[in-house]
Amino acid sequence: IMIYRIGDRSIATAVRDGIFQGSLS
């Protein structure tokens, strides 16, 4: 198991880059 936290200020970046709510490699 690996758990990561996205900082509040970085959520917009994660959404913009298509990372948020997607599957991870």
PDBML (XML) file of the C-alpha atoms, coordinates in Angstrom:
<?xml version="1.0" encoding="UTF-8" ?>
<PDBx:datablock datablockName="MODEL"
   xmlns:PDBx="http://pdbml.pdb.org/schema/pdbx-v50.xsd"
   xmlns:xsi="http://www.w3.org/2001/XMLSchema-instance"
   xsi:schemaLocation="http://pdbml.pdb.org/schema/pdbx-v50.xsd pdbx-v50.xsd">
   <PDBx:atom_siteCategory>
      <PDBx:atom_site id="1">
         <PDBx:B_iso_or_equiv>0.00</PDBx:B_iso_or_equiv>
         <PDBx:Cartn_x>0.000</PDBx:Cartn_x>
         <PDBx:Cartn_y>0.000</PDBx:Cartn_y>
         <PDBx:Cartn_z>0.000</PDBx:Cartn_z>
         <PDBx:auth_asym_id>A</PDBx:auth_asym_id>
         <PDBx:auth_atom_id>CA</PDBx:auth_atom_id>
         <PDBx:auth_comp_id>ILE</PDBx:auth_comp_id>
         <PDBx:auth_seq_id>1</PDBx:auth_seq_id>
         <PDBx:group_PDB>ATOM</PDBx:group_PDB>
         <PDBx:label_alt_id xsi:nil="true" />
         <PDBx:label_asym_id>A</PDBx:label_asym_id>
         <PDBx:label_atom_id>CA</PDBx:label_atom_id>
         <PDBx:label_comp_id>ILE</PDBx:label_comp_id>
         <PDBx:label_entity_id>1</PDBx:label_entity_id>
         <PDBx:label_seq_id>1</PDBx:label_seq_id>
         <PDBx:occupancy>1.00</PDBx:occupancy>
         <PDBx:pdbx_PDB_model_num>1</PDBx:pdbx_PDB_model_num>
         <PDBx:type_symbol>C</PDBx:type_symbol>
      </PDBx:atom_site>
      <PDBx:atom_site id="2">
         <PDBx:B_iso_or_equiv>0.00</PDBx:B_iso_or_equiv>
         <PDBx:Cartn_x>1.127</PDBx:Cartn_x>
         <PDBx:Cartn_y>3.543</PDBx:Cartn_y>
         <PDBx:Cartn_z>-0.830</PDBx:Cartn_z>
         <PDBx:auth_asym_id>A</PDBx:auth_asym_id>
         <PDBx:auth_atom_id>CA</PDBx:auth_atom_id>
         <PDBx:auth_comp_id>MET</PDBx:auth_comp_id>
         <PDBx:auth_seq_id>2</PDBx:auth_seq_id>
         <PDBx:group_PDB>ATOM</PDBx:group_PDB>
         <PDBx:label_alt_id xsi:nil="true" />
         <PDBx:label_asym_id>A</PDBx:label_asym_id>
         <PDBx:label_atom_id>CA</PDBx:label_atom_id>
         <PDBx:label_comp_id>MET</PDBx:label_comp_id>
         <PDBx:label_entity_id>1</PDBx:label_entity_id>
         <PDBx:label_seq_id>2</PDBx:label_seq_id>
         <PDBx:occupancy>1.00</PDBx:occupancy>
         <PDBx:pdbx_PDB_model_num>1</PDBx:pdbx_PDB_model_num>
         <PDBx:type_symbol>C</PDBx:type_symbol>
      </PDBx:atom_site>
      <PDBx:atom_site id="3">
         <PDBx:B_iso_or_equiv>0.00</PDBx:B_iso_or_equiv>
         <PDBx:Cartn_x>-0.840</PDBx:Cartn_x>
         <PDBx:Cartn_y>6.596</PDBx:Cartn_y>
         <PDBx:Cartn_z>0.362</PDBx:Cartn_z>
         <PDBx:auth_asym_id>A</PDBx:auth_asym_id>
         <PDBx:auth_atom_id>CA</PDBx:auth_atom_id>
         <PDBx:auth_comp_id>ILE</PDBx:auth_comp_id>
         <PDBx:auth_seq_id>3</PDBx:auth_seq_id>
         <PDBx:group_PDB>ATOM</PDBx:group_PDB>
         <PDBx:label_alt_id xsi:nil="true" />
         <PDBx:label_asym_id>A</PDBx:label_asym_id>
         <PDBx:label_atom_id>CA</PDBx:label_atom_id>
         <PDBx:label_comp_id>ILE</PDBx:label_comp_id>
         <PDBx:label_entity_id>1</PDBx:label_entity_id>
         <PDBx:label_seq_id>3</PDBx:label_seq_id>
         <PDBx:occupancy>1.00</PDBx:occupancy>
         <PDBx:pdbx_PDB_model_num>1</PDBx:pdbx_PDB_model_num>
         <PDBx:type_symbol>C</PDBx:type_symbol>
      </PDBx:atom_site>
      <PDBx:atom_site id="4">
         <PDBx:B_iso_or_equiv>0.00</PDBx:B_iso_or_equiv>
         <PDBx:Cartn_x>-0.254</PDBx:Cartn_x>
         <PDBx:Cartn_y>10.113</PDBx:Cartn_y>
         <PDBx:Cartn_z>-0.988</PDBx:Cartn_z>
         <PDBx:auth_asym_id>A</PDBx:auth_asym_id>
         <PDBx:auth_atom_id>CA</PDBx:auth_atom_id>
         <PDBx:auth_comp_id>TYR</PDBx:auth_comp_id>
         <PDBx:auth_seq_id>4</PDBx:auth_seq_id>
         <PDBx:group_PDB>ATOM</PDBx:group_PDB>
         <PDBx:label_alt_id xsi:nil="true" />
         <PDBx:label_asym_id>A</PDBx:label_asym_id>
         <PDBx:label_atom_id>CA</PDBx:label_atom_id>
         <PDBx:label_comp_id>TYR</PDBx:label_comp_id>
         <PDBx:label_entity_id>1</PDBx:label_entity_id>
         <PDBx:label_seq_id>4</PDBx:label_seq_id>
         <PDBx:occupancy>1.00</PDBx:occupancy>
         <PDBx:pdbx_PDB_model_num>1</PDBx:pdbx_PDB_model_num>
         <PDBx:type_symbol>C</PDBx:type_symbol>
      </PDBx:atom_site>
      <PDBx:atom_site id="5">
         <PDBx:B_iso_or_equiv>0.00</PDBx:B_iso_or_equiv>
         <PDBx:Cartn_x>-1.732</PDBx:Cartn_x>
         <PDBx:Cartn_y>13.460</PDBx:Cartn_y>
         <PDBx:Cartn_z>0.031</PDBx:Cartn_z>
         <PDBx:auth_asym_id>A</PDBx:auth_asym_id>
         <PDBx:auth_atom_id>CA</PDBx:auth_atom_id>
         <PDBx:auth_comp_id>ARG</PDBx:auth_comp_id>
         <PDBx:auth_seq_id>5</PDBx:auth_seq_id>
         <PDBx:group_PDB>ATOM</PDBx:group_PDB>
         <PDBx:label_alt_id xsi:nil="true" />
         <PDBx:label_asym_id>A</PDBx:label_asym_id>
         <PDBx:label_atom_id>CA</PDBx:label_atom_id>
         <PDBx:label_comp_id>ARG</PDBx:label_comp_id>
         <PDBx:label_entity_id>1</PDBx:label_entity_id>
         <PDBx:label_seq_id>5</PDBx:label_seq_id>
         <PDBx:occupancy>1.00</PDBx:occupancy>
         <PDBx:pdbx_PDB_model_num>1</PDBx:pdbx_PDB_model_num>
         <PDBx:type_symbol>C</PDBx:type_symbol>
      </PDBx:atom_site>
      <PDBx:atom_site id="6">
         <PDBx:B_iso_or_equiv>0.00</PDBx:B_iso_or_equiv>
         <PDBx:Cartn_x>-2.395</PDBx:Cartn_x>
         <PDBx:Cartn_y>16.278</PDBx:Cartn_y>
         <PDBx:Cartn_z>-2.425</PDBx:Cartn_z>
         <PDBx:auth_asym_id>A</PDBx:auth_asym_id>
         <PDBx:auth_atom_id>CA</PDBx:auth_atom_id>
         <PDBx:auth_comp_id>ILE</PDBx:auth_comp_id>
         <PDBx:auth_seq_id>6</PDBx:auth_seq_id>
         <PDBx:group_PDB>ATOM</PDBx:group_PDB>
         <PDBx:label_alt_id xsi:nil="true" />
         <PDBx:label_asym_id>A</PDBx:label_asym_id>
         <PDBx:label_atom_id>CA</PDBx:label_atom_id>
         <PDBx:label_comp_id>ILE</PDBx:label_comp_id>
         <PDBx:label_entity_id>1</PDBx:label_entity_id>
         <PDBx:label_seq_id>6</PDBx:label_seq_id>
         <PDBx:occupancy>1.00</PDBx:occupancy>
         <PDBx:pdbx_PDB_model_num>1</PDBx:pdbx_PDB_model_num>
         <PDBx:type_symbol>C</PDBx:type_symbol>
      </PDBx:atom_site>
      <PDBx:atom_site id="7">
         <PDBx:B_iso_or_equiv>0.00</PDBx:B_iso_or_equiv>
         <PDBx:Cartn_x>-1.900</PDBx:Cartn_x>
         <PDBx:Cartn_y>19.719</PDBx:Cartn_y>
         <PDBx:Cartn_z>-0.876</PDBx:Cartn_z>
         <PDBx:auth_asym_id>A</PDBx:auth_asym_id>
         <PDBx:auth_atom_id>CA</PDBx:auth_atom_id>
         <PDBx:auth_comp_id>GLY</PDBx:auth_comp_id>
         <PDBx:auth_seq_id>7</PDBx:auth_seq_id>
         <PDBx:group_PDB>ATOM</PDBx:group_PDB>
         <PDBx:label_alt_id xsi:nil="true" />
         <PDBx:label_asym_id>A</PDBx:label_asym_id>
         <PDBx:label_atom_id>CA</PDBx:label_atom_id>
         <PDBx:label_comp_id>GLY</PDBx:label_comp_id>
         <PDBx:label_entity_id>1</PDBx:label_entity_id>
         <PDBx:label_seq_id>7</PDBx:label_seq_id>
         <PDBx:occupancy>1.00</PDBx:occupancy>
         <PDBx:pdbx_PDB_model_num>1</PDBx:pdbx_PDB_model_num>
         <PDBx:type_symbol>C</PDBx:type_symbol>
      </PDBx:atom_site>
      <PDBx:atom_site id="8">
         <PDBx:B_iso_or_equiv>0.00</PDBx:B_iso_or_equiv>
         <PDBx:Cartn_x>-4.770</PDBx:Cartn_x>
         <PDBx:Cartn_y>22.186</PDBx:Cartn_y>
         <PDBx:Cartn_z>-1.119</PDBx:Cartn_z>
         <PDBx:auth_asym_id>A</PDBx:auth_asym_id>
         <PDBx:auth_atom_id>CA</PDBx:auth_atom_id>
         <PDBx:auth_comp_id>ASP</PDBx:auth_comp_id>
         <PDBx:auth_seq_id>8</PDBx:auth_seq_id>
         <PDBx:group_PDB>ATOM</PDBx:group_PDB>
         <PDBx:label_alt_id xsi:nil="true" />
         <PDBx:label_asym_id>A</PDBx:label_asym_id>
         <PDBx:label_atom_id>CA</PDBx:label_atom_id>
         <PDBx:label_comp_id>ASP</PDBx:label_comp_id>
         <PDBx:label_entity_id>1</PDBx:label_entity_id>
         <PDBx:label_seq_id>8</PDBx:label_seq_id>
         <PDBx:occupancy>1.00</PDBx:occupancy>
         <PDBx:pdbx_PDB_model_num>1</PDBx:pdbx_PDB_model_num>
         <PDBx:type_symbol>C</PDBx:type_symbol>
      </PDBx:atom_site>
      <PDBx:atom_site id="9">
         <PDBx:B_iso_or_equiv>0.00</PDBx:B_iso_or_equiv>
         <PDBx:Cartn_x>-2.761</PDBx:Cartn_x>
         <PDBx:Cartn_y>24.501</PDBx:Cartn_y>
         <PDBx:Cartn_z>-3.357</PDBx:Cartn_z>
         <PDBx:auth_asym_id>A</PDBx:auth_asym_id>
         <PDBx:auth_atom_id>CA</PDBx:auth_atom_id>
         <PDBx:auth_comp_id>ARG</PDBx:auth_comp_id>
         <PDBx:auth_seq_id>9</PDBx:auth_seq_id>
         <PDBx:group_PDB>ATOM</PDBx:group_PDB>
         <PDBx:label_alt_id xsi:nil="true" />
         <PDBx:label_asym_id>A</PDBx:label_asym_id>
         <PDBx:label_atom_id>CA</PDBx:label_atom_id>
         <PDBx:label_comp_id>ARG</PDBx:label_comp_id>
         <PDBx:label_entity_id>1</PDBx:label_entity_id>
         <PDBx:label_seq_id>9</PDBx:label_seq_id>
         <PDBx:occupancy>1.00</PDBx:occupancy>
         <PDBx:pdbx_PDB_model_num>1</PDBx:pdbx_PDB_model_num>
         <PDBx:type_symbol>C</PDBx:type_symbol>
      </PDBx:atom_site>
      <PDBx:atom_site id="10">
         <PDBx:B_iso_or_equiv>0.00</PDBx:B_iso_or_equiv>
         <PDBx:Cartn_x>-1.819</PDBx:Cartn_x>
         <PDBx:Cartn_y>21.641</PDBx:Cartn_y>
         <PDBx:Cartn_z>-5.663</PDBx:Cartn_z>
         <PDBx:auth_asym_id>A</PDBx:auth_asym_id>
         <PDBx:auth_atom_id>CA</PDBx:auth_atom_id>
         <PDBx:auth_comp_id>SER</PDBx:auth_comp_id>
         <PDBx:auth_seq_id>10</PDBx:auth_seq_id>
         <PDBx:group_PDB>ATOM</PDBx:group_PDB>
         <PDBx:label_alt_id xsi:nil="true" />
         <PDBx:label_asym_id>A</PDBx:label_asym_id>
         <PDBx:label_atom_id>CA</PDBx:label_atom_id>
         <PDBx:label_comp_id>SER</PDBx:label_comp_id>
         <PDBx:label_entity_id>1</PDBx:label_entity_id>
         <PDBx:label_seq_id>10</PDBx:label_seq_id>
         <PDBx:occupancy>1.00</PDBx:occupancy>
         <PDBx:pdbx_PDB_model_num>1</PDBx:pdbx_PDB_model_num>
         <PDBx:type_symbol>C</PDBx:type_symbol>
      </PDBx:atom_site>
      <PDBx:atom_site id="11">
         <PDBx:B_iso_or_equiv>0.00</PDBx:B_iso_or_equiv>
         <PDBx:Cartn_x>-5.279</PDBx:Cartn_x>
         <PDBx:Cartn_y>20.195</PDBx:Cartn_y>
         <PDBx:Cartn_z>-6.305</PDBx:Cartn_z>
         <PDBx:auth_asym_id>A</PDBx:auth_asym_id>
         <PDBx:auth_atom_id>CA</PDBx:auth_atom_id>
         <PDBx:auth_comp_id>ILE</PDBx:auth_comp_id>
         <PDBx:auth_seq_id>11</PDBx:auth_seq_id>
         <PDBx:group_PDB>ATOM</PDBx:group_PDB>
         <PDBx:label_alt_id xsi:nil="true" />
         <PDBx:label_asym_id>A</PDBx:label_asym_id>
         <PDBx:label_atom_id>CA</PDBx:label_atom_id>
         <PDBx:label_comp_id>ILE</PDBx:label_comp_id>
         <PDBx:label_entity_id>1</PDBx:label_entity_id>
         <PDBx:label_seq_id>11</PDBx:label_seq_id>
         <PDBx:occupancy>1.00</PDBx:occupancy>
         <PDBx:pdbx_PDB_model_num>1</PDBx:pdbx_PDB_model_num>
         <PDBx:type_symbol>C</PDBx:type_symbol>
      </PDBx:atom_site>
      <PDBx:atom_site id="12">
         <PDBx:B_iso_or_equiv>0.00</PDBx:B_iso_or_equiv>
         <PDBx:Cartn_x>-5.867</PDBx:Cartn_x>
         <PDBx:Cartn_y>22.591</PDBx:Cartn_y>
         <PDBx:Cartn_z>-9.208</PDBx:Cartn_z>
         <PDBx:auth_asym_id>A</PDBx:auth_asym_id>
         <PDBx:auth_atom_id>CA</PDBx:auth_atom_id>
         <PDBx:auth_comp_id>ALA</PDBx:auth_comp_id>
         <PDBx:auth_seq_id>12</PDBx:auth_seq_id>
         <PDBx:group_PDB>ATOM</PDBx:group_PDB>
         <PDBx:label_alt_id xsi:nil="true" />
         <PDBx:label_asym_id>A</PDBx:label_asym_id>
         <PDBx:label_atom_id>CA</PDBx:label_atom_id>
         <PDBx:label_comp_id>ALA</PDBx:label_comp_id>
         <PDBx:label_entity_id>1</PDBx:label_entity_id>
         <PDBx:label_seq_id>12</PDBx:label_seq_id>
         <PDBx:occupancy>1.00</PDBx:occupancy>
         <PDBx:pdbx_PDB_model_num>1</PDBx:pdbx_PDB_model_num>
         <PDBx:type_symbol>C</PDBx:type_symbol>
      </PDBx:atom_site>
      <PDBx:atom_site id="13">
         <PDBx:B_iso_or_equiv>0.00</PDBx:B_iso_or_equiv>
         <PDBx:Cartn_x>-2.562</PDBx:Cartn_x>
         <PDBx:Cartn_y>21.470</PDBx:Cartn_y>
         <PDBx:Cartn_z>-10.761</PDBx:Cartn_z>
         <PDBx:auth_asym_id>A</PDBx:auth_asym_id>
         <PDBx:auth_atom_id>CA</PDBx:auth_atom_id>
         <PDBx:auth_comp_id>THR</PDBx:auth_comp_id>
         <PDBx:auth_seq_id>13</PDBx:auth_seq_id>
         <PDBx:group_PDB>ATOM</PDBx:group_PDB>
         <PDBx:label_alt_id xsi:nil="true" />
         <PDBx:label_asym_id>A</PDBx:label_asym_id>
         <PDBx:label_atom_id>CA</PDBx:label_atom_id>
         <PDBx:label_comp_id>THR</PDBx:label_comp_id>
         <PDBx:label_entity_id>1</PDBx:label_entity_id>
         <PDBx:label_seq_id>13</PDBx:label_seq_id>
         <PDBx:occupancy>1.00</PDBx:occupancy>
         <PDBx:pdbx_PDB_model_num>1</PDBx:pdbx_PDB_model_num>
         <PDBx:type_symbol>C</PDBx:type_symbol>
      </PDBx:atom_site>
      <PDBx:atom_site id="14">
         <PDBx:B_iso_or_equiv>0.00</PDBx:B_iso_or_equiv>
         <PDBx:Cartn_x>-3.480</PDBx:Cartn_x>
         <PDBx:Cartn_y>17.806</PDBx:Cartn_y>
         <PDBx:Cartn_z>-10.316</PDBx:Cartn_z>
         <PDBx:auth_asym_id>A</PDBx:auth_asym_id>
         <PDBx:auth_atom_id>CA</PDBx:auth_atom_id>
         <PDBx:auth_comp_id>ALA</PDBx:auth_comp_id>
         <PDBx:auth_seq_id>14</PDBx:auth_seq_id>
         <PDBx:group_PDB>ATOM</PDBx:group_PDB>
         <PDBx:label_alt_id xsi:nil="true" />
         <PDBx:label_asym_id>A</PDBx:label_asym_id>
         <PDBx:label_atom_id>CA</PDBx:label_atom_id>
         <PDBx:label_comp_id>ALA</PDBx:label_comp_id>
         <PDBx:label_entity_id>1</PDBx:label_entity_id>
         <PDBx:label_seq_id>14</PDBx:label_seq_id>
         <PDBx:occupancy>1.00</PDBx:occupancy>
         <PDBx:pdbx_PDB_model_num>1</PDBx:pdbx_PDB_model_num>
         <PDBx:type_symbol>C</PDBx:type_symbol>
      </PDBx:atom_site>
      <PDBx:atom_site id="15">
         <PDBx:B_iso_or_equiv>0.00</PDBx:B_iso_or_equiv>
         <PDBx:Cartn_x>-6.855</PDBx:Cartn_x>
         <PDBx:Cartn_y>18.417</PDBx:Cartn_y>
         <PDBx:Cartn_z>-11.989</PDBx:Cartn_z>
         <PDBx:auth_asym_id>A</PDBx:auth_asym_id>
         <PDBx:auth_atom_id>CA</PDBx:auth_atom_id>
         <PDBx:auth_comp_id>VAL</PDBx:auth_comp_id>
         <PDBx:auth_seq_id>15</PDBx:auth_seq_id>
         <PDBx:group_PDB>ATOM</PDBx:group_PDB>
         <PDBx:label_alt_id xsi:nil="true" />
         <PDBx:label_asym_id>A</PDBx:label_asym_id>
         <PDBx:label_atom_id>CA</PDBx:label_atom_id>
         <PDBx:label_comp_id>VAL</PDBx:label_comp_id>
         <PDBx:label_entity_id>1</PDBx:label_entity_id>
         <PDBx:label_seq_id>15</PDBx:label_seq_id>
         <PDBx:occupancy>1.00</PDBx:occupancy>
         <PDBx:pdbx_PDB_model_num>1</PDBx:pdbx_PDB_model_num>
         <PDBx:type_symbol>C</PDBx:type_symbol>
      </PDBx:atom_site>
      <PDBx:atom_site id="16">
         <PDBx:B_iso_or_equiv>0.00</PDBx:B_iso_or_equiv>
         <PDBx:Cartn_x>-5.310</PDBx:Cartn_x>
         <PDBx:Cartn_y>20.423</PDBx:Cartn_y>
         <PDBx:Cartn_z>-14.835</PDBx:Cartn_z>
         <PDBx:auth_asym_id>A</PDBx:auth_asym_id>
         <PDBx:auth_atom_id>CA</PDBx:auth_atom_id>
         <PDBx:auth_comp_id>ARG</PDBx:auth_comp_id>
         <PDBx:auth_seq_id>16</PDBx:auth_seq_id>
         <PDBx:group_PDB>ATOM</PDBx:group_PDB>
         <PDBx:label_alt_id xsi:nil="true" />
         <PDBx:label_asym_id>A</PDBx:label_asym_id>
         <PDBx:label_atom_id>CA</PDBx:label_atom_id>
         <PDBx:label_comp_id>ARG</PDBx:label_comp_id>
         <PDBx:label_entity_id>1</PDBx:label_entity_id>
         <PDBx:label_seq_id>16</PDBx:label_seq_id>
         <PDBx:occupancy>1.00</PDBx:occupancy>
         <PDBx:pdbx_PDB_model_num>1</PDBx:pdbx_PDB_model_num>
         <PDBx:type_symbol>C</PDBx:type_symbol>
      </PDBx:atom_site>
      <PDBx:atom_site id="17">
         <PDBx:B_iso_or_equiv>0.00</PDBx:B_iso_or_equiv>
         <PDBx:Cartn_x>-2.704</PDBx:Cartn_x>
         <PDBx:Cartn_y>17.728</PDBx:Cartn_y>
         <PDBx:Cartn_z>-15.536</PDBx:Cartn_z>
         <PDBx:auth_asym_id>A</PDBx:auth_asym_id>
         <PDBx:auth_atom_id>CA</PDBx:auth_atom_id>
         <PDBx:auth_comp_id>ASP</PDBx:auth_comp_id>
         <PDBx:auth_seq_id>17</PDBx:auth_seq_id>
         <PDBx:group_PDB>ATOM</PDBx:group_PDB>
         <PDBx:label_alt_id xsi:nil="true" />
         <PDBx:label_asym_id>A</PDBx:label_asym_id>
         <PDBx:label_atom_id>CA</PDBx:label_atom_id>
         <PDBx:label_comp_id>ASP</PDBx:label_comp_id>
         <PDBx:label_entity_id>1</PDBx:label_entity_id>
         <PDBx:label_seq_id>17</PDBx:label_seq_id>
         <PDBx:occupancy>1.00</PDBx:occupancy>
         <PDBx:pdbx_PDB_model_num>1</PDBx:pdbx_PDB_model_num>
         <PDBx:type_symbol>C</PDBx:type_symbol>
      </PDBx:atom_site>
      <PDBx:atom_site id="18">
         <PDBx:B_iso_or_equiv>0.00</PDBx:B_iso_or_equiv>
         <PDBx:Cartn_x>-5.293</PDBx:Cartn_x>
         <PDBx:Cartn_y>14.951</PDBx:Cartn_y>
         <PDBx:Cartn_z>-15.552</PDBx:Cartn_z>
         <PDBx:auth_asym_id>A</PDBx:auth_asym_id>
         <PDBx:auth_atom_id>CA</PDBx:auth_atom_id>
         <PDBx:auth_comp_id>GLY</PDBx:auth_comp_id>
         <PDBx:auth_seq_id>18</PDBx:auth_seq_id>
         <PDBx:group_PDB>ATOM</PDBx:group_PDB>
         <PDBx:label_alt_id xsi:nil="true" />
         <PDBx:label_asym_id>A</PDBx:label_asym_id>
         <PDBx:label_atom_id>CA</PDBx:label_atom_id>
         <PDBx:label_comp_id>GLY</PDBx:label_comp_id>
         <PDBx:label_entity_id>1</PDBx:label_entity_id>
         <PDBx:label_seq_id>18</PDBx:label_seq_id>
         <PDBx:occupancy>1.00</PDBx:occupancy>
         <PDBx:pdbx_PDB_model_num>1</PDBx:pdbx_PDB_model_num>
         <PDBx:type_symbol>C</PDBx:type_symbol>
      </PDBx:atom_site>
      <PDBx:atom_site id="19">
         <PDBx:B_iso_or_equiv>0.00</PDBx:B_iso_or_equiv>
         <PDBx:Cartn_x>-3.892</PDBx:Cartn_x>
         <PDBx:Cartn_y>13.229</PDBx:Cartn_y>
         <PDBx:Cartn_z>-12.456</PDBx:Cartn_z>
         <PDBx:auth_asym_id>A</PDBx:auth_asym_id>
         <PDBx:auth_atom_id>CA</PDBx:auth_atom_id>
         <PDBx:auth_comp_id>ILE</PDBx:auth_comp_id>
         <PDBx:auth_seq_id>19</PDBx:auth_seq_id>
         <PDBx:group_PDB>ATOM</PDBx:group_PDB>
         <PDBx:label_alt_id xsi:nil="true" />
         <PDBx:label_asym_id>A</PDBx:label_asym_id>
         <PDBx:label_atom_id>CA</PDBx:label_atom_id>
         <PDBx:label_comp_id>ILE</PDBx:label_comp_id>
         <PDBx:label_entity_id>1</PDBx:label_entity_id>
         <PDBx:label_seq_id>19</PDBx:label_seq_id>
         <PDBx:occupancy>1.00</PDBx:occupancy>
         <PDBx:pdbx_PDB_model_num>1</PDBx:pdbx_PDB_model_num>
         <PDBx:type_symbol>C</PDBx:type_symbol>
      </PDBx:atom_site>
      <PDBx:atom_site id="20">
         <PDBx:B_iso_or_equiv>0.00</PDBx:B_iso_or_equiv>
         <PDBx:Cartn_x>-6.791</PDBx:Cartn_x>
         <PDBx:Cartn_y>13.836</PDBx:Cartn_y>
         <PDBx:Cartn_z>-10.080</PDBx:Cartn_z>
         <PDBx:auth_asym_id>A</PDBx:auth_asym_id>
         <PDBx:auth_atom_id>CA</PDBx:auth_atom_id>
         <PDBx:auth_comp_id>PHE</PDBx:auth_comp_id>
         <PDBx:auth_seq_id>20</PDBx:auth_seq_id>
         <PDBx:group_PDB>ATOM</PDBx:group_PDB>
         <PDBx:label_alt_id xsi:nil="true" />
         <PDBx:label_asym_id>A</PDBx:label_asym_id>
         <PDBx:label_atom_id>CA</PDBx:label_atom_id>
         <PDBx:label_comp_id>PHE</PDBx:label_comp_id>
         <PDBx:label_entity_id>1</PDBx:label_entity_id>
         <PDBx:label_seq_id>20</PDBx:label_seq_id>
         <PDBx:occupancy>1.00</PDBx:occupancy>
         <PDBx:pdbx_PDB_model_num>1</PDBx:pdbx_PDB_model_num>
         <PDBx:type_symbol>C</PDBx:type_symbol>
      </PDBx:atom_site>
      <PDBx:atom_site id="21">
         <PDBx:B_iso_or_equiv>0.00</PDBx:B_iso_or_equiv>
         <PDBx:Cartn_x>-9.225</PDBx:Cartn_x>
         <PDBx:Cartn_y>10.901</PDBx:Cartn_y>
         <PDBx:Cartn_z>-9.833</PDBx:Cartn_z>
         <PDBx:auth_asym_id>A</PDBx:auth_asym_id>
         <PDBx:auth_atom_id>CA</PDBx:auth_atom_id>
         <PDBx:auth_comp_id>GLN</PDBx:auth_comp_id>
         <PDBx:auth_seq_id>21</PDBx:auth_seq_id>
         <PDBx:group_PDB>ATOM</PDBx:group_PDB>
         <PDBx:label_alt_id xsi:nil="true" />
         <PDBx:label_asym_id>A</PDBx:label_asym_id>
         <PDBx:label_atom_id>CA</PDBx:label_atom_id>
         <PDBx:label_comp_id>GLN</PDBx:label_comp_id>
         <PDBx:label_entity_id>1</PDBx:label_entity_id>
         <PDBx:label_seq_id>21</PDBx:label_seq_id>
         <PDBx:occupancy>1.00</PDBx:occupancy>
         <PDBx:pdbx_PDB_model_num>1</PDBx:pdbx_PDB_model_num>
         <PDBx:type_symbol>C</PDBx:type_symbol>
      </PDBx:atom_site>
      <PDBx:atom_site id="22">
         <PDBx:B_iso_or_equiv>0.00</PDBx:B_iso_or_equiv>
         <PDBx:Cartn_x>-7.301</PDBx:Cartn_x>
         <PDBx:Cartn_y>8.883</PDBx:Cartn_y>
         <PDBx:Cartn_z>-12.406</PDBx:Cartn_z>
         <PDBx:auth_asym_id>A</PDBx:auth_asym_id>
         <PDBx:auth_atom_id>CA</PDBx:auth_atom_id>
         <PDBx:auth_comp_id>GLY</PDBx:auth_comp_id>
         <PDBx:auth_seq_id>22</PDBx:auth_seq_id>
         <PDBx:group_PDB>ATOM</PDBx:group_PDB>
         <PDBx:label_alt_id xsi:nil="true" />
         <PDBx:label_asym_id>A</PDBx:label_asym_id>
         <PDBx:label_atom_id>CA</PDBx:label_atom_id>
         <PDBx:label_comp_id>GLY</PDBx:label_comp_id>
         <PDBx:label_entity_id>1</PDBx:label_entity_id>
         <PDBx:label_seq_id>22</PDBx:label_seq_id>
         <PDBx:occupancy>1.00</PDBx:occupancy>
         <PDBx:pdbx_PDB_model_num>1</PDBx:pdbx_PDB_model_num>
         <PDBx:type_symbol>C</PDBx:type_symbol>
      </PDBx:atom_site>
      <PDBx:atom_site id="23">
         <PDBx:B_iso_or_equiv>0.00</PDBx:B_iso_or_equiv>
         <PDBx:Cartn_x>-5.517</PDBx:Cartn_x>
         <PDBx:Cartn_y>5.556</PDBx:Cartn_y>
         <PDBx:Cartn_z>-12.028</PDBx:Cartn_z>
         <PDBx:auth_asym_id>A</PDBx:auth_asym_id>
         <PDBx:auth_atom_id>CA</PDBx:auth_atom_id>
         <PDBx:auth_comp_id>SER</PDBx:auth_comp_id>
         <PDBx:auth_seq_id>23</PDBx:auth_seq_id>
         <PDBx:group_PDB>ATOM</PDBx:group_PDB>
         <PDBx:label_alt_id xsi:nil="true" />
         <PDBx:label_asym_id>A</PDBx:label_asym_id>
         <PDBx:label_atom_id>CA</PDBx:label_atom_id>
         <PDBx:label_comp_id>SER</PDBx:label_comp_id>
         <PDBx:label_entity_id>1</PDBx:label_entity_id>
         <PDBx:label_seq_id>23</PDBx:label_seq_id>
         <PDBx:occupancy>1.00</PDBx:occupancy>
         <PDBx:pdbx_PDB_model_num>1</PDBx:pdbx_PDB_model_num>
         <PDBx:type_symbol>C</PDBx:type_symbol>
      </PDBx:atom_site>
      <PDBx:atom_site id="24">
         <PDBx:B_iso_or_equiv>0.00</PDBx:B_iso_or_equiv>
         <PDBx:Cartn_x>-1.851</PDBx:Cartn_x>
         <PDBx:Cartn_y>5.712</PDBx:Cartn_y>
         <PDBx:Cartn_z>-11.060</PDBx:Cartn_z>
         <PDBx:auth_asym_id>A</PDBx:auth_asym_id>
         <PDBx:auth_atom_id>CA</PDBx:auth_atom_id>
         <PDBx:auth_comp_id>LEU</PDBx:auth_comp_id>
         <PDBx:auth_seq_id>24</PDBx:auth_seq_id>
         <PDBx:group_PDB>ATOM</PDBx:group_PDB>
         <PDBx:label_alt_id xsi:nil="true" />
         <PDBx:label_asym_id>A</PDBx:label_asym_id>
         <PDBx:label_atom_id>CA</PDBx:label_atom_id>
         <PDBx:label_comp_id>LEU</PDBx:label_comp_id>
         <PDBx:label_entity_id>1</PDBx:label_entity_id>
         <PDBx:label_seq_id>24</PDBx:label_seq_id>
         <PDBx:occupancy>1.00</PDBx:occupancy>
         <PDBx:pdbx_PDB_model_num>1</PDBx:pdbx_PDB_model_num>
         <PDBx:type_symbol>C</PDBx:type_symbol>
      </PDBx:atom_site>
      <PDBx:atom_site id="25">
         <PDBx:B_iso_or_equiv>0.00</PDBx:B_iso_or_equiv>
         <PDBx:Cartn_x>1.171</PDBx:Cartn_x>
         <PDBx:Cartn_y>3.998</PDBx:Cartn_y>
         <PDBx:Cartn_z>-12.520</PDBx:Cartn_z>
         <PDBx:auth_asym_id>A</PDBx:auth_asym_id>
         <PDBx:auth_atom_id>CA</PDBx:auth_atom_id>
         <PDBx:auth_comp_id>SER</PDBx:auth_comp_id>
         <PDBx:auth_seq_id>25</PDBx:auth_seq_id>
         <PDBx:group_PDB>ATOM</PDBx:group_PDB>
         <PDBx:label_alt_id xsi:nil="true" />
         <PDBx:label_asym_id>A</PDBx:label_asym_id>
         <PDBx:label_atom_id>CA</PDBx:label_atom_id>
         <PDBx:label_comp_id>SER</PDBx:label_comp_id>
         <PDBx:label_entity_id>1</PDBx:label_entity_id>
         <PDBx:label_seq_id>25</PDBx:label_seq_id>
         <PDBx:occupancy>1.00</PDBx:occupancy>
         <PDBx:pdbx_PDB_model_num>1</PDBx:pdbx_PDB_model_num>
         <PDBx:type_symbol>C</PDBx:type_symbol>
      </PDBx:atom_site>
   </PDBx:atom_siteCategory>
</PDBx:datablock>
